[in-house]
Amino acid sequence: MLLRPRQTKFRKLFKGKIKGVEQKAINLQFGSYGLKALEIGRISAKQIEAARRTITRKLRRAGKVYVRIFPSVPVTSKPIEVRMGKGKGAVDYWVAPVKPGRILFEIGGLNSPLCIAALKNASHKLSIATTIIEKK
């Protein structure tokens, strides 16, 4: 099941700009290995779910996977071959805005090269450049 908020204050939002570097979620808190964003981007709920599934399959459900991002921004689109005007389109999908330095996923309970392989496979599912970090 794809991630999306239960309710929001407003149904549709402006696109907005993602600027700067992440200040809050820059350190590992739950696990010993993590996937860190290196660039600005928007990660869709489908990409988050695909990466999460890839990690859990690779780990064979051992250890614990923590998802540190949540898609809370709606993206709207109009149907194909519709003329301009007539208002904004319906909500199509949800995205999580990501700044460089943000921790996206964490793996806890395992200390092995299996974690690094799982995070590497998950990074291929995301639309931004990432790096693997480990707790010192």
Protein backbone atom coordinates (compact mmCIF):
# COMPACT_ATOMS: atom_id res chain seq x y z
CA MET A 1 0.00 0.00 0.00
CA LEU A 2 1.36 3.41 -0.96
CA LEU A 3 2.08 6.05 1.64
CA ARG A 4 -0.11 9.15 1.76
CA PRO A 5 -1.42 11.45 4.51
CA ARG A 6 -4.78 10.65 6.10
CA GLN A 7 -5.88 14.24 5.86
CA THR A 8 -4.35 17.58 4.95
CA LYS A 9 -5.34 21.16 5.59
CA PHE A 10 -5.48 21.87 1.85
CA ARG A 11 -6.18 19.39 -0.94
CA LYS A 12 -3.81 20.91 -3.51
CA LEU A 13 -0.54 22.80 -3.04
CA PHE A 14 1.75 24.97 -5.14
CA LYS A 15 4.91 23.31 -6.45
CA GLY A 16 7.35 25.41 -4.44
CA LYS A 17 11.15 25.29 -4.48
CA ILE A 18 13.37 23.01 -2.43
CA LYS A 19 16.39 25.04 -1.33
CA GLY A 20 19.33 24.59 0.99
CA VAL A 21 20.79 21.66 2.89
CA GLU A 22 18.98 19.39 5.37
CA GLN A 23 19.40 20.49 9.01
CA LYS A 24 17.40 17.96 11.04
CA ALA A 25 17.56 14.35 9.80
CA ILE A 26 21.28 14.17 9.06
CA ASN A 27 22.44 11.51 11.57
CA LEU A 28 21.58 7.84 12.04
CA GLN A 29 19.17 7.47 14.96
CA PHE A 30 17.66 3.98 14.81
CA GLY A 31 19.95 1.70 12.81
CA SER A 32 23.61 1.10 12.10
CA TYR A 33 23.48 1.57 8.29
CA GLY A 34 21.67 4.28 6.34
CA LEU A 35 20.98 5.72 2.89
CA LYS A 36 21.73 9.46 2.65
CA ALA A 37 20.57 11.85 -0.10
CA LEU A 38 23.27 13.77 -1.99
CA GLU A 39 21.07 16.08 -4.07
CA ILE A 40 17.78 17.96 -4.08
CA GLY A 41 14.76 16.12 -5.44
CA ARG A 42 11.24 14.86 -4.98
CA ILE A 43 10.80 11.17 -4.18
CA SER A 44 7.38 9.73 -4.96
CA ALA A 45 5.47 7.32 -2.74
CA LYS A 46 5.94 4.58 -5.37
CA GLN A 47 9.72 5.01 -5.27
CA ILE A 48 9.75 4.88 -1.45
CA GLU A 49 7.67 1.70 -1.45
CA ALA A 50 9.80 0.07 -4.19
CA ALA A 51 13.00 0.83 -2.26
CA ARG A 52 11.51 -0.45 1.01
CA ARG A 53 10.42 -3.71 -0.63
CA THR A 54 13.85 -4.16 -2.19
CA ILE A 55 15.54 -3.76 1.19
CA THR A 56 13.21 -6.21 2.99
CA ARG A 57 13.59 -8.81 0.22
CA LYS A 58 17.37 -8.58 0.26
CA LEU A 59 17.51 -8.88 4.06
CA ARG A 60 15.04 -11.80 3.98
CA ARG A 61 13.04 -10.04 6.70
CA ALA A 62 15.94 -10.12 9.17
CA GLY A 63 16.77 -6.93 11.03
CA LYS A 64 14.61 -3.82 11.04
CA VAL A 65 14.06 -1.26 8.27
CA TYR A 66 13.27 2.36 9.16
CA VAL A 67 11.81 4.72 6.55
CA ARG A 68 12.77 8.28 7.52
CA ILE A 69 10.84 10.15 4.79
CA PHE A 70 7.12 10.57 4.23
CA PRO A 71 5.33 11.77 1.07
CA SER A 72 3.25 14.71 2.28
CA VAL A 73 3.14 16.98 -0.80
CA PRO A 74 0.42 16.34 -3.41
CA VAL A 75 1.27 16.58 -7.11
CA THR A 76 -1.61 17.31 -9.47
CA SER A 77 -1.96 16.56 -13.17
CA LYS A 78 -4.61 17.10 -15.79
CA PRO A 79 -5.77 14.27 -18.07
CA ILE A 80 -4.08 13.74 -21.44
CA GLU A 81 -5.37 15.88 -24.36
CA VAL A 82 -7.25 18.38 -22.21
CA ARG A 83 -7.18 22.05 -23.21
CA MET A 84 -5.66 24.75 -21.04
CA GLY A 85 -7.78 26.38 -18.36
CA LYS A 86 -10.70 24.91 -16.40
CA GLY A 87 -8.75 24.91 -13.14
CA LYS A 88 -6.05 22.81 -11.56
CA GLY A 89 -5.99 19.05 -12.12
CA ALA A 90 -6.76 16.33 -9.59
CA VAL A 91 -4.16 14.98 -7.17
CA ASP A 92 -2.18 12.35 -9.08
CA TYR A 93 0.45 11.19 -6.58
CA TRP A 94 2.31 12.22 -3.40
CA VAL A 95 5.97 13.17 -3.05
CA ALA A 96 8.50 13.74 -0.28
CA PRO A 97 10.73 16.80 -0.85
CA VAL A 98 14.35 15.85 -0.10
CA LYS A 99 17.37 18.07 0.55
CA PRO A 100 21.01 16.95 0.44
CA GLY A 101 22.13 15.31 3.68
CA ARG A 102 18.75 13.77 4.52
CA ILE A 103 18.69 10.19 5.82
CA LEU A 104 16.13 8.28 3.75
CA PHE A 105 16.34 4.70 5.07
CA GLU A 106 18.02 3.00 8.02
CA ILE A 107 18.71 -0.66 8.78
CA GLY A 108 19.16 -1.86 12.35
CA GLY A 109 19.85 -5.19 14.03
CA LEU A 110 22.34 -6.46 11.44
CA ASN A 111 26.05 -5.84 11.01
CA SER A 112 26.98 -7.34 7.69
CA PRO A 113 27.74 -6.57 4.04
CA LEU A 114 24.15 -7.70 3.38
CA CYS A 115 22.93 -4.30 4.67
CA ILE A 116 25.21 -2.44 2.25
CA ALA A 117 24.02 -4.60 -0.66
CA ALA A 118 20.37 -4.01 0.29
CA LEU A 119 20.84 -0.23 0.47
CA LYS A 120 22.72 -0.24 -2.84
CA ASN A 121 19.81 -2.06 -4.50
CA ALA A 122 17.35 0.41 -2.93
CA SER A 123 19.33 3.39 -4.25
CA HIS A 124 18.69 2.20 -7.81
CA LYS A 125 14.94 2.62 -7.20
CA LEU A 126 15.26 6.29 -6.24
CA SER A 127 15.44 9.28 -8.60
CA ILE A 128 18.25 11.08 -6.74
CA ALA A 129 21.92 10.36 -6.01
CA THR A 130 22.51 8.73 -2.62
CA THR A 131 25.35 7.34 -0.53
CA ILE A 132 25.54 4.60 2.10
CA ILE A 133 26.68 5.58 5.58
CA GLU A 134 27.33 3.54 8.72
CA LYS A 135 27.38 4.32 12.42
CA LYS A 136 30.84 4.75 13.87
